[in-house]
Amino acid sequence: LLAIIAAITLTMRKRPGLKVQNIAKQVAVRAKDRIRVVKM
Protein backbone atom coordinates (compact mmCIF):
# COMPACT_ATOMS: atom_id res chain seq x y z
CA LEU A 1 0.00 0.00 0.00
CA LEU A 2 2.85 2.39 0.80
CA ALA A 3 4.44 1.58 -2.56
CA ILE A 4 1.19 2.49 -4.34
CA ILE A 5 0.93 5.77 -2.43
CA ALA A 6 4.59 6.58 -3.20
CA ALA A 7 4.05 5.93 -6.90
CA ILE A 8 1.03 8.25 -6.96
CA THR A 9 3.00 10.92 -5.08
CA LEU A 10 5.84 10.73 -7.61
CA THR A 11 3.48 11.25 -10.52
CA MET A 12 1.77 14.22 -8.84
CA ARG A 13 4.91 16.29 -8.37
CA LYS A 14 4.98 19.86 -9.72
CA ARG A 15 6.55 20.42 -13.11
CA PRO A 16 6.10 23.01 -15.87
CA GLY A 17 2.88 22.64 -17.80
CA LEU A 18 1.26 20.32 -15.27
CA LYS A 19 -2.45 21.00 -14.82
CA VAL A 20 -3.66 20.29 -11.29
CA GLN A 21 -7.12 20.27 -9.82
CA ASN A 22 -7.90 22.77 -7.04
CA ILE A 23 -10.89 21.36 -5.18
CA ALA A 24 -11.32 24.44 -2.93
CA LYS A 25 -11.65 26.81 -5.89
CA GLN A 26 -14.11 24.49 -7.62
CA VAL A 27 -16.32 24.26 -4.55
CA ALA A 28 -16.19 28.04 -3.89
CA VAL A 29 -17.15 29.04 -7.44
CA ARG A 30 -20.50 30.77 -7.96
CA ALA A 31 -22.86 30.31 -10.84
CA LYS A 32 -22.85 34.00 -11.80
CA ASP A 33 -19.06 33.87 -12.17
CA ARG A 34 -19.30 31.12 -14.75
CA ILE A 35 -22.62 31.67 -16.49
CA ARG A 36 -23.78 34.81 -18.26
CA VAL A 37 -27.48 35.02 -18.92
CA VAL A 38 -28.36 36.95 -22.09
CA LYS A 39 -31.94 38.19 -22.46
CA MET A 40 -33.27 38.32 -25.99
PDB file of all heavy atoms in Angstrom:
ATOM      1  N   LEU A   1       0.827  -1.202   0.000  1.00  0.00           N
ATOM      2  CA  LEU A   1       0.000   0.000   0.000  1.00  0.00           C
ATOM      3  C   LEU A   1       0.864   1.255   0.000  1.00  0.00           C
ATOM      4  O   LEU A   1       0.590   2.225  -0.725  1.00  0.00           O
ATOM      5  CB  LEU A   1      -0.930  -0.011   1.217  1.00  0.00           C
ATOM      6  CG  LEU A   1      -1.823   1.222   1.390  1.00  0.00           C
ATOM      7  CD1 LEU A   1      -2.767   1.373   0.199  1.00  0.00           C
ATOM      8  CD2 LEU A   1      -2.611   1.135   2.680  1.00  0.00           C
ATOM      9  N   LEU A   2       1.930   1.253   0.785  1.00  0.00           N
ATOM     10  CA  LEU A   2       2.851   2.392   0.801  1.00  0.00           C
ATOM     11  C   LEU A   2       3.522   2.575  -0.555  1.00  0.00           C
ATOM     12  O   LEU A   2       3.756   3.712  -0.992  1.00  0.00           O
ATOM     13  CB  LEU A   2       3.905   2.196   1.891  1.00  0.00           C
ATOM     14  CG  LEU A   2       3.401   2.292   3.337  1.00  0.00           C
ATOM     15  CD1 LEU A   2       4.535   1.988   4.309  1.00  0.00           C
ATOM     16  CD2 LEU A   2       2.824   3.668   3.615  1.00  0.00           C
ATOM     17  N   ALA A   3       3.838   1.475  -1.228  1.00  0.00           N
ATOM     18  CA  ALA A   3       4.436   1.582  -2.558  1.00  0.00           C
ATOM     19  C   ALA A   3       3.476   2.223  -3.548  1.00  0.00           C
ATOM     20  O   ALA A   3       3.874   3.048  -4.379  1.00  0.00           O
ATOM     21  CB  ALA A   3       4.864   0.195  -3.042  1.00  0.00           C
ATOM     22  N   ILE A   4       2.193   1.882  -3.461  1.00  0.00           N
ATOM     23  CA  ILE A   4       1.195   2.493  -4.342  1.00  0.00           C
ATOM     24  C   ILE A   4       1.085   3.986  -4.065  1.00  0.00           C
ATOM     25  O   ILE A   4       1.045   4.819  -4.994  1.00  0.00           O
ATOM     26  CB  ILE A   4      -0.160   1.788  -4.163  1.00  0.00           C
ATOM     27  CG1 ILE A   4      -0.075   0.342  -4.640  1.00  0.00           C
ATOM     28  CG2 ILE A   4      -1.258   2.521  -4.912  1.00  0.00           C
ATOM     29  CD1 ILE A   4      -1.302  -0.470  -4.324  1.00  0.00           C
ATOM     30  N   ILE A   5       1.034   4.363  -2.787  1.00  0.00           N
ATOM     31  CA  ILE A   5       0.934   5.774  -2.429  1.00  0.00           C
ATOM     32  C   ILE A   5       2.180   6.537  -2.897  1.00  0.00           C
ATOM     33  O   ILE A   5       2.092   7.667  -3.408  1.00  0.00           O
ATOM     34  CB  ILE A   5       0.732   5.924  -0.913  1.00  0.00           C
ATOM     35  CG1 ILE A   5      -0.618   5.315  -0.502  1.00  0.00           C
ATOM     36  CG2 ILE A   5       0.808   7.383  -0.483  1.00  0.00           C
ATOM     37  CD1 ILE A   5      -0.830   5.242   0.985  1.00  0.00           C
ATOM     38  N   ALA A   6       3.354   5.926  -2.754  1.00  0.00           N
ATOM     39  CA  ALA A   6       4.589   6.582  -3.200  1.00  0.00           C
ATOM     40  C   ALA A   6       4.597   6.777  -4.707  1.00  0.00           C
ATOM     41  O   ALA A   6       5.034   7.828  -5.202  1.00  0.00           O
ATOM     42  CB  ALA A   6       5.794   5.755  -2.769  1.00  0.00           C
ATOM     43  N   ALA A   7       4.097   5.790  -5.449  1.00  0.00           N
ATOM     44  CA  ALA A   7       4.047   5.930  -6.904  1.00  0.00           C
ATOM     45  C   ALA A   7       3.108   7.060  -7.320  1.00  0.00           C
ATOM     46  O   ALA A   7       3.418   7.855  -8.222  1.00  0.00           O
ATOM     47  CB  ALA A   7       3.613   4.614  -7.548  1.00  0.00           C
ATOM     48  N   ILE A   8       1.959   7.163  -6.652  1.00  0.00           N
ATOM     49  CA  ILE A   8       1.027   8.251  -6.959  1.00  0.00           C
ATOM     50  C   ILE A   8       1.644   9.593  -6.603  1.00  0.00           C
ATOM     51  O   ILE A   8       1.518  10.582  -7.340  1.00  0.00           O
ATOM     52  CB  ILE A   8      -0.299   8.036  -6.205  1.00  0.00           C
ATOM     53  CG1 ILE A   8      -0.993   6.769  -6.713  1.00  0.00           C
ATOM     54  CG2 ILE A   8      -1.213   9.235  -6.367  1.00  0.00           C
ATOM     55  CD1 ILE A   8      -2.198   6.369  -5.912  1.00  0.00           C
ATOM     56  N   THR A   9       2.353   9.670  -5.488  1.00  0.00           N
ATOM     57  CA  THR A   9       3.001  10.920  -5.075  1.00  0.00           C
ATOM     58  C   THR A   9       4.064  11.347  -6.082  1.00  0.00           C
ATOM     59  O   THR A   9       4.202  12.534  -6.395  1.00  0.00           O
ATOM     60  CB  THR A   9       3.635  10.753  -3.687  1.00  0.00           C
ATOM     61  OG1 THR A   9       2.630  10.298  -2.775  1.00  0.00           O
ATOM     62  CG2 THR A   9       4.208  12.066  -3.188  1.00  0.00           C
ATOM     63  N   LEU A  10       4.817  10.388  -6.622  1.00  0.00           N
ATOM     64  CA  LEU A  10       5.839  10.726  -7.608  1.00  0.00           C
ATOM     65  C   LEU A  10       5.232  11.293  -8.884  1.00  0.00           C
ATOM     66  O   LEU A  10       5.788  12.207  -9.487  1.00  0.00           O
ATOM     67  CB  LEU A  10       6.680   9.486  -7.935  1.00  0.00           C
ATOM     68  CG  LEU A  10       7.681   9.037  -6.874  1.00  0.00           C
ATOM     69  CD1 LEU A  10       8.317   7.722  -7.279  1.00  0.00           C
ATOM     70  CD2 LEU A  10       8.750  10.104  -6.678  1.00  0.00           C
ATOM     71  N   THR A  11       4.094  10.760  -9.291  1.00  0.00           N
ATOM     72  CA  THR A  11       3.476  11.247 -10.522  1.00  0.00           C
ATOM     73  C   THR A  11       2.775  12.580 -10.323  1.00  0.00           C
ATOM     74  O   THR A  11       2.498  13.268 -11.309  1.00  0.00           O
ATOM     75  CB  THR A  11       2.457  10.227 -11.045  1.00  0.00           C
ATOM     76  OG1 THR A  11       1.471   9.976 -10.029  1.00  0.00           O
ATOM     77  CG2 THR A  11       3.140   8.926 -11.390  1.00  0.00           C
ATOM     78  N   MET A  12       2.487  12.968  -9.094  1.00  0.00           N
ATOM     79  CA  MET A  12       1.770  14.222  -8.838  1.00  0.00           C
ATOM     80  C   MET A  12       2.702  15.380  -8.490  1.00  0.00           C
ATOM     81  O   MET A  12       2.261  16.399  -8.018  1.00  0.00           O
ATOM     82  CB  MET A  12       0.769  14.017  -7.685  1.00  0.00           C
ATOM     83  CG  MET A  12      -0.355  13.065  -8.013  1.00  0.00           C
ATOM     84  SD  MET A  12      -1.389  13.645  -9.369  1.00  0.00           S
ATOM     85  CE  MET A  12      -2.165  15.050  -8.594  1.00  0.00           C
ATOM     86  N   ARG A  13       4.000  15.218  -8.708  1.00  0.00           N
ATOM     87  CA  ARG A  13       4.912  16.295  -8.369  1.00  0.00           C
ATOM     88  C   ARG A  13       4.734  17.465  -9.334  1.00  0.00           C
ATOM     89  O   ARG A  13       4.243  17.298 -10.451  1.00  0.00           O
ATOM     90  CB  ARG A  13       6.354  15.798  -8.404  1.00  0.00           C
ATOM     91  CG  ARG A  13       6.916  15.600  -9.783  1.00  0.00           C
ATOM     92  CD  ARG A  13       8.307  14.976  -9.692  1.00  0.00           C
ATOM     93  NE  ARG A  13       9.024  15.102 -10.924  1.00  0.00           N
ATOM     94  CZ  ARG A  13       8.895  14.305 -11.956  1.00  0.00           C
ATOM     95  NH1 ARG A  13       8.020  13.319 -11.887  1.00  0.00           N
ATOM     96  NH2 ARG A  13       9.593  14.468 -13.053  1.00  0.00           N
ATOM     97  N   LYS A  14       5.156  18.659  -8.913  1.00  0.00           N
ATOM     98  CA  LYS A  14       4.975  19.857  -9.716  1.00  0.00           C
ATOM     99  C   LYS A  14       6.045  19.943 -10.788  1.00  0.00           C
ATOM    100  O   LYS A  14       7.222  19.785 -10.525  1.00  0.00           O
ATOM    101  CB  LYS A  14       5.021  21.100  -8.820  1.00  0.00           C
ATOM    102  CG  LYS A  14       3.866  21.191  -7.851  1.00  0.00           C
ATOM    103  CD  LYS A  14       3.932  22.462  -7.029  1.00  0.00           C
ATOM    104  CE  LYS A  14       2.757  22.551  -6.063  1.00  0.00           C
ATOM    105  NZ  LYS A  14       2.813  23.771  -5.243  1.00  0.00           N
ATOM    106  N   ARG A  15       5.626  20.192 -12.009  1.00  0.00           N
ATOM    107  CA  ARG A  15       6.552  20.416 -13.110  1.00  0.00           C
ATOM    108  C   ARG A  15       5.899  21.373 -14.099  1.00  0.00           C
ATOM    109  O   ARG A  15       4.675  21.539 -14.091  1.00  0.00           O
ATOM    110  CB  ARG A  15       6.941  19.100 -13.780  1.00  0.00           C
ATOM    111  CG  ARG A  15       5.807  18.291 -14.345  1.00  0.00           C
ATOM    112  CD  ARG A  15       6.349  17.021 -14.988  1.00  0.00           C
ATOM    113  NE  ARG A  15       5.298  16.235 -15.583  1.00  0.00           N
ATOM    114  CZ  ARG A  15       4.702  15.232 -14.984  1.00  0.00           C
ATOM    115  NH1 ARG A  15       5.052  14.913 -13.759  1.00  0.00           N
ATOM    116  NH2 ARG A  15       3.750  14.545 -15.593  1.00  0.00           N
ATOM    117  N   PRO A  16       6.679  22.022 -14.949  1.00  0.00           N
ATOM    118  CA  PRO A  16       6.098  23.012 -15.874  1.00  0.00           C
ATOM    119  C   PRO A  16       5.053  22.397 -16.786  1.00  0.00           C
ATOM    120  O   PRO A  16       5.238  21.300 -17.325  1.00  0.00           O
ATOM    121  CB  PRO A  16       7.323  23.484 -16.682  1.00  0.00           C
ATOM    122  CG  PRO A  16       8.496  23.182 -15.814  1.00  0.00           C
ATOM    123  CD  PRO A  16       8.138  21.964 -15.036  1.00  0.00           C
ATOM    124  N   GLY A  17       3.951  23.106 -16.927  1.00  0.00           N
ATOM    125  CA  GLY A  17       2.881  22.645 -17.803  1.00  0.00           C
ATOM    126  C   GLY A  17       1.943  21.632 -17.196  1.00  0.00           C
ATOM    127  O   GLY A  17       1.034  21.153 -17.875  1.00  0.00           O
ATOM    128  N   LEU A  18       2.130  21.301 -15.924  1.00  0.00           N
ATOM    129  CA  LEU A  18       1.262  20.324 -15.271  1.00  0.00           C
ATOM    130  C   LEU A  18      -0.023  20.992 -14.803  1.00  0.00           C
ATOM    131  O   LEU A  18       0.006  22.002 -14.108  1.00  0.00           O
ATOM    132  CB  LEU A  18       1.982  19.687 -14.074  1.00  0.00           C
ATOM    133  CG  LEU A  18       1.186  18.653 -13.283  1.00  0.00           C
ATOM    134  CD1 LEU A  18       0.899  17.434 -14.155  1.00  0.00           C
ATOM    135  CD2 LEU A  18       1.910  18.249 -12.023  1.00  0.00           C
ATOM    136  N   LYS A  19      -1.150  20.467 -15.214  1.00  0.00           N
ATOM    137  CA  LYS A  19      -2.453  20.996 -14.819  1.00  0.00           C
ATOM    138  C   LYS A  19      -2.951  20.208 -13.614  1.00  0.00           C
ATOM    139  O   LYS A  19      -3.095  18.992 -13.676  1.00  0.00           O
ATOM    140  CB  LYS A  19      -3.445  20.885 -15.968  1.00  0.00           C
ATOM    141  CG  LYS A  19      -3.072  21.739 -17.173  1.00  0.00           C
ATOM    142  CD  LYS A  19      -4.107  21.626 -18.284  1.00  0.00           C
ATOM    143  CE  LYS A  19      -3.736  22.509 -19.463  1.00  0.00           C
ATOM    144  NZ  LYS A  19      -4.729  22.398 -20.564  1.00  0.00           N
ATOM    145  N   VAL A  20      -3.181  20.925 -12.522  1.00  0.00           N
ATOM    146  CA  VAL A  20      -3.656  20.290 -11.294  1.00  0.00           C
ATOM    147  C   VAL A  20      -5.069  20.754 -10.993  1.00  0.00           C
ATOM    148  O   VAL A  20      -5.521  21.799 -11.475  1.00  0.00           O
ATOM    149  CB  VAL A  20      -2.716  20.602 -10.108  1.00  0.00           C
ATOM    150  CG1 VAL A  20      -1.348  20.016 -10.356  1.00  0.00           C
ATOM    151  CG2 VAL A  20      -2.621  22.101  -9.882  1.00  0.00           C
ATOM    152  N   GLN A  21      -5.743  19.984 -10.186  1.00  0.00           N
ATOM    153  CA  GLN A  21      -7.117  20.274  -9.823  1.00  0.00           C
ATOM    154  C   GLN A  21      -7.149  20.891  -8.432  1.00  0.00           C
ATOM    155  O   GLN A  21      -6.613  20.320  -7.483  1.00  0.00           O
ATOM    156  CB  GLN A  21      -7.930  18.973  -9.857  1.00  0.00           C
ATOM    157  CG  GLN A  21      -9.415  19.174  -9.641  1.00  0.00           C
ATOM    158  CD  GLN A  21     -10.170  17.865  -9.751  1.00  0.00           C
ATOM    159  OE1 GLN A  21      -9.566  16.804  -9.757  1.00  0.00           O
ATOM    160  NE2 GLN A  21     -11.483  17.944  -9.831  1.00  0.00           N
ATOM    161  N   ASN A  22      -7.765  22.094  -8.319  1.00  0.00           N
ATOM    162  CA  ASN A  22      -7.900  22.770  -7.042  1.00  0.00           C
ATOM    163  C   ASN A  22      -9.347  22.600  -6.576  1.00  0.00           C
ATOM    164  O   ASN A  22     -10.262  23.268  -7.072  1.00  0.00           O
ATOM    165  CB  ASN A  22      -7.537  24.257  -7.177  1.00  0.00           C
ATOM    166  CG  ASN A  22      -7.360  24.923  -5.824  1.00  0.00           C
ATOM    167  OD1 ASN A  22      -8.003  24.547  -4.844  1.00  0.00           O
ATOM    168  ND2 ASN A  22      -6.488  25.914  -5.768  1.00  0.00           N
ATOM    169  N   ILE A  23      -9.530  21.681  -5.630  1.00  0.00           N
ATOM    170  CA  ILE A  23     -10.891  21.361  -5.178  1.00  0.00           C
ATOM    171  C   ILE A  23     -11.530  22.552  -4.479  1.00  0.00           C
ATOM    172  O   ILE A  23     -12.730  22.827  -4.643  1.00  0.00           O
ATOM    173  CB  ILE A  23     -10.863  20.136  -4.254  1.00  0.00           C
ATOM    174  CG1 ILE A  23     -10.158  18.957  -4.936  1.00  0.00           C
ATOM    175  CG2 ILE A  23     -12.269  19.744  -3.831  1.00  0.00           C
ATOM    176  CD1 ILE A  23     -10.840  18.471  -6.163  1.00  0.00           C
ATOM    177  N   ALA A  24     -10.760  23.308  -3.681  1.00  0.00           N
ATOM    178  CA  ALA A  24     -11.319  24.438  -2.930  1.00  0.00           C
ATOM    179  C   ALA A  24     -11.877  25.504  -3.874  1.00  0.00           C
ATOM    180  O   ALA A  24     -12.965  26.046  -3.645  1.00  0.00           O
ATOM    181  CB  ALA A  24     -10.245  25.042  -2.025  1.00  0.00           C
ATOM    182  N   LYS A  25     -11.155  25.805  -4.938  1.00  0.00           N
ATOM    183  CA  LYS A  25     -11.650  26.807  -5.890  1.00  0.00           C
ATOM    184  C   LYS A  25     -12.889  26.304  -6.622  1.00  0.00           C
ATOM    185  O   LYS A  25     -13.809  27.084  -6.908  1.00  0.00           O
ATOM    186  CB  LYS A  25     -10.554  27.149  -6.897  1.00  0.00           C
ATOM    187  CG  LYS A  25      -9.415  27.972  -6.320  1.00  0.00           C
ATOM    188  CD  LYS A  25      -8.415  28.336  -7.405  1.00  0.00           C
ATOM    189  CE  LYS A  25      -7.289  29.198  -6.839  1.00  0.00           C
ATOM    190  NZ  LYS A  25      -6.291  29.546  -7.885  1.00  0.00           N
ATOM    191  N   GLN A  26     -12.936  25.036  -6.929  1.00  0.00           N
ATOM    192  CA  GLN A  26     -14.105  24.491  -7.624  1.00  0.00           C
ATOM    193  C   GLN A  26     -15.347  24.521  -6.745  1.00  0.00           C
ATOM    194  O   GLN A  26     -16.454  24.798  -7.223  1.00  0.00           O
ATOM    195  CB  GLN A  26     -13.818  23.062  -8.069  1.00  0.00           C
ATOM    196  CG  GLN A  26     -12.794  22.966  -9.188  1.00  0.00           C
ATOM    197  CD  GLN A  26     -12.527  21.537  -9.588  1.00  0.00           C
ATOM    198  OE1 GLN A  26     -12.893  20.610  -8.878  1.00  0.00           O
ATOM    199  NE2 GLN A  26     -11.873  21.357 -10.723  1.00  0.00           N
ATOM    200  N   VAL A  27     -15.169  24.251  -5.457  1.00  0.00           N
ATOM    201  CA  VAL A  27     -16.325  24.264  -4.553  1.00  0.00           C
ATOM    202  C   VAL A  27     -16.796  25.694  -4.292  1.00  0.00           C
ATOM    203  O   VAL A  27     -18.009  25.969  -4.174  1.00  0.00           O
ATOM    204  CB  VAL A  27     -15.951  23.555  -3.223  1.00  0.00           C
ATOM    205  CG1 VAL A  27     -17.070  23.709  -2.195  1.00  0.00           C
ATOM    206  CG2 VAL A  27     -15.676  22.076  -3.485  1.00  0.00           C
ATOM    207  N   ALA A  28     -15.853  26.649  -4.217  1.00  0.00           N
ATOM    208  CA  ALA A  28     -16.195  28.037  -3.889  1.00  0.00           C
ATOM    209  C   ALA A  28     -16.721  28.829  -5.073  1.00  0.00           C
ATOM    210  O   ALA A  28     -17.136  29.983  -4.903  1.00  0.00           O
ATOM    211  CB  ALA A  28     -14.970  28.745  -3.303  1.00  0.00           C
ATOM    212  N   VAL A  29     -16.720  28.289  -6.268  1.00  0.00           N
ATOM    213  CA  VAL A  29     -17.155  29.041  -7.438  1.00  0.00           C
ATOM    214  C   VAL A  29     -18.667  29.287  -7.384  1.00  0.00           C
ATOM    215  O   VAL A  29     -19.428  28.494  -6.830  1.00  0.00           O
ATOM    216  CB  VAL A  29     -16.756  28.280  -8.715  1.00  0.00           C
ATOM    217  CG1 VAL A  29     -17.636  27.067  -8.906  1.00  0.00           C
ATOM    218  CG2 VAL A  29     -16.825  29.190  -9.919  1.00  0.00           C
ATOM    219  N   ARG A  30     -19.074  30.425  -7.918  1.00  0.00           N
ATOM    220  CA  ARG A  30     -20.500  30.765  -7.962  1.00  0.00           C
ATOM    221  C   ARG A  30     -21.008  30.712  -9.395  1.00  0.00           C
ATOM    222  O   ARG A  30     -20.250  30.903 -10.338  1.00  0.00           O
ATOM    223  CB  ARG A  30     -20.719  32.170  -7.395  1.00  0.00           C
ATOM    224  CG  ARG A  30     -20.395  32.268  -5.900  1.00  0.00           C
ATOM    225  CD  ARG A  30     -20.533  33.685  -5.397  1.00  0.00           C
ATOM    226  NE  ARG A  30     -19.582  34.566  -6.071  1.00  0.00           N
ATOM    227  CZ  ARG A  30     -19.515  35.879  -5.857  1.00  0.00           C
ATOM    228  NH1 ARG A  30     -20.353  36.442  -4.999  1.00  0.00           N
ATOM    229  NH2 ARG A  30     -18.623  36.612  -6.493  1.00  0.00           N
ATOM    230  N   ALA A  31     -22.283  30.485  -9.502  1.00  0.00           N
ATOM    231  CA  ALA A  31     -22.864  30.315 -10.838  1.00  0.00           C
ATOM    232  C   ALA A  31     -22.735  31.587 -11.660  1.00  0.00           C
ATOM    233  O   ALA A  31     -22.473  31.534 -12.869  1.00  0.00           O
ATOM    234  CB  ALA A  31     -24.327  29.900 -10.712  1.00  0.00           C
ATOM    235  N   LYS A  32     -22.897  32.747 -11.038  1.00  0.00           N
ATOM    236  CA  LYS A  32     -22.848  33.999 -11.805  1.00  0.00           C
ATOM    237  C   LYS A  32     -21.432  34.321 -12.298  1.00  0.00           C
ATOM    238  O   LYS A  32     -21.270  35.138 -13.201  1.00  0.00           O
ATOM    239  CB  LYS A  32     -23.372  35.155 -10.959  1.00  0.00           C
ATOM    240  CG  LYS A  32     -22.535  35.482  -9.738  1.00  0.00           C
ATOM    241  CD  LYS A  32     -23.145  36.655  -8.991  1.00  0.00           C
ATOM    242  CE  LYS A  32     -22.282  37.052  -7.787  1.00  0.00           C
ATOM    243  NZ  LYS A  32     -22.858  38.205  -7.064  1.00  0.00           N
ATOM    244  N   ASP A  33     -20.432  33.675 -11.680  1.00  0.00           N
ATOM    245  CA  ASP A  33     -19.064  33.874 -12.171  1.00  0.00           C
ATOM    246  C   ASP A  33     -18.774  33.033 -13.405  1.00  0.00           C
ATOM    247  O   ASP A  33     -17.833  33.327 -14.146  1.00  0.00           O
ATOM    248  CB  ASP A  33     -18.051  33.504 -11.076  1.00  0.00           C
ATOM    249  CG  ASP A  33     -18.178  34.420  -9.862  1.00  0.00           C
ATOM    250  OD1 ASP A  33     -18.614  35.570 -10.035  1.00  0.00           O
ATOM    251  OD2 ASP A  33     -17.832  33.955  -8.751  1.00  0.00           O
ATOM    252  N   ARG A  34     -19.547  32.028 -13.635  1.00  0.00           N
ATOM    253  CA  ARG A  34     -19.301  31.120 -14.753  1.00  0.00           C
ATOM    254  C   ARG A  34     -20.343  31.239 -15.866  1.00  0.00           C
ATOM    255  O   ARG A  34     -20.042  30.898 -17.009  1.00  0.00           O
ATOM    256  CB  ARG A  34     -19.297  29.665 -14.238  1.00  0.00           C
ATOM    257  CG  ARG A  34     -18.149  29.328 -13.299  1.00  0.00           C
ATOM    258  CD  ARG A  34     -16.834  29.330 -14.034  1.00  0.00           C
ATOM    259  NE  ARG A  34     -15.718  28.986 -13.183  1.00  0.00           N
ATOM    260  CZ  ARG A  34     -15.252  27.753 -13.031  1.00  0.00           C
ATOM    261  NH1 ARG A  34     -15.823  26.759 -13.654  1.00  0.00           N
ATOM    262  NH2 ARG A  34     -14.217  27.531 -12.242  1.00  0.00           N
ATOM    263  N   ILE A  35     -21.531  31.658 -15.509  1.00  0.00           N
ATOM    264  CA  ILE A  35     -22.623  31.674 -16.490  1.00  0.00           C
ATOM    265  C   ILE A  35     -23.089  33.107 -16.697  1.00  0.00           C
ATOM    266  O   ILE A  35     -23.298  33.852 -15.733  1.00  0.00           O
ATOM    267  CB  ILE A  35     -23.809  30.801 -16.022  1.00  0.00           C
ATOM    268  CG1 ILE A  35     -23.338  29.365 -15.813  1.00  0.00           C
ATOM    269  CG2 ILE A  35     -24.946  30.850 -17.026  1.00  0.00           C
ATOM    270  CD1 ILE A  35     -24.400  28.465 -15.223  1.00  0.00           C
ATOM    271  N   ARG A  36     -23.251  33.496 -17.932  1.00  0.00           N
ATOM    272  CA  ARG A  36     -23.782  34.813 -18.260  1.00  0.00           C
ATOM    273  C   ARG A  36     -25.107  34.623 -18.979  1.00  0.00           C
ATOM    274  O   ARG A  36     -25.170  33.959 -20.020  1.00  0.00           O
ATOM    275  CB  ARG A  36     -22.806  35.568 -19.162  1.00  0.00           C
ATOM    276  CG  ARG A  36     -23.248  37.000 -19.463  1.00  0.00           C
ATOM    277  CD  ARG A  36     -22.091  37.801 -20.028  1.00  0.00           C
ATOM    278  NE  ARG A  36     -21.541  37.198 -21.226  1.00  0.00           N
ATOM    279  CZ  ARG A  36     -21.927  37.531 -22.472  1.00  0.00           C
ATOM    280  NH1 ARG A  36     -22.856  38.455 -22.647  1.00  0.00           N
ATOM    281  NH2 ARG A  36     -21.378  36.957 -23.507  1.00  0.00           N
ATOM    282  N   VAL A  37     -26.144  35.164 -18.370  1.00  0.00           N
ATOM    283  CA  VAL A  37     -27.484  35.025 -18.923  1.00  0.00           C
ATOM    284  C   VAL A  37     -27.745  36.200 -19.853  1.00  0.00           C
ATOM    285  O   VAL A  37     -27.628  37.366 -19.456  1.00  0.00           O
ATOM    286  CB  VAL A  37     -28.546  34.970 -17.803  1.00  0.00           C
ATOM    287  CG1 VAL A  37     -29.943  34.850 -18.400  1.00  0.00           C
ATOM    288  CG2 VAL A  37     -28.254  33.806 -16.864  1.00  0.00           C
ATOM    289  N   VAL A  38     -28.082  35.921 -21.069  1.00  0.00           N
ATOM    290  CA  VAL A  38     -28.355  36.949 -22.085  1.00  0.00           C
ATOM    291  C   VAL A  38     -29.849  36.930 -22.378  1.00  0.00           C
ATOM    292  O   VAL A  38     -30.406  35.894 -22.745  1.00  0.00           O
ATOM    293  CB  VAL A  38     -27.543  36.681 -23.368  1.00  0.00           C
ATOM    294  CG1 VAL A  38     -27.864  37.745 -24.416  1.00  0.00           C
ATOM    295  CG2 VAL A  38     -26.062  36.659 -23.067  1.00  0.00           C
ATOM    296  N   LYS A  39     -30.504  38.070 -22.192  1.00  0.00           N
ATOM    297  CA  LYS A  39     -31.938  38.185 -22.464  1.00  0.00           C
ATOM    298  C   LYS A  39     -32.145  38.673 -23.891  1.00  0.00           C
ATOM    299  O   LYS A  39     -31.554  39.669 -24.310  1.00  0.00           O
ATOM    300  CB  LYS A  39     -32.584  39.146 -21.482  1.00  0.00           C
ATOM    301  CG  LYS A  39     -32.573  38.641 -20.041  1.00  0.00           C
ATOM    302  CD  LYS A  39     -33.307  39.595 -19.128  1.00  0.00           C
ATOM    303  CE  LYS A  39     -33.321  39.058 -17.687  1.00  0.00           C
ATOM    304  NZ  LYS A  39     -34.051  39.965 -16.765  1.00  0.00           N
ATOM    305  N   MET A  40     -32.968  37.961 -24.594  1.00  0.00           N
ATOM    306  CA  MET A  40     -33.270  38.316 -25.990  1.00  0.00           C
ATOM    307  C   MET A  40     -34.771  38.313 -26.217  1.00  0.00           C
ATOM    308  O   MET A  40     -35.502  37.591 -25.530  1.00  0.00           O
ATOM    309  CB  MET A  40     -32.594  37.304 -26.954  1.00  0.00           C
ATOM    310  CG  MET A  40     -31.091  37.269 -26.858  1.00  0.00           C
ATOM    311  SD  MET A  40     -30.368  36.023 -27.938  1.00  0.00           S
ATOM    312  CE  MET A  40     -30.923  36.630 -29.530  1.00  0.00           C
TER     313      MET A  40
END
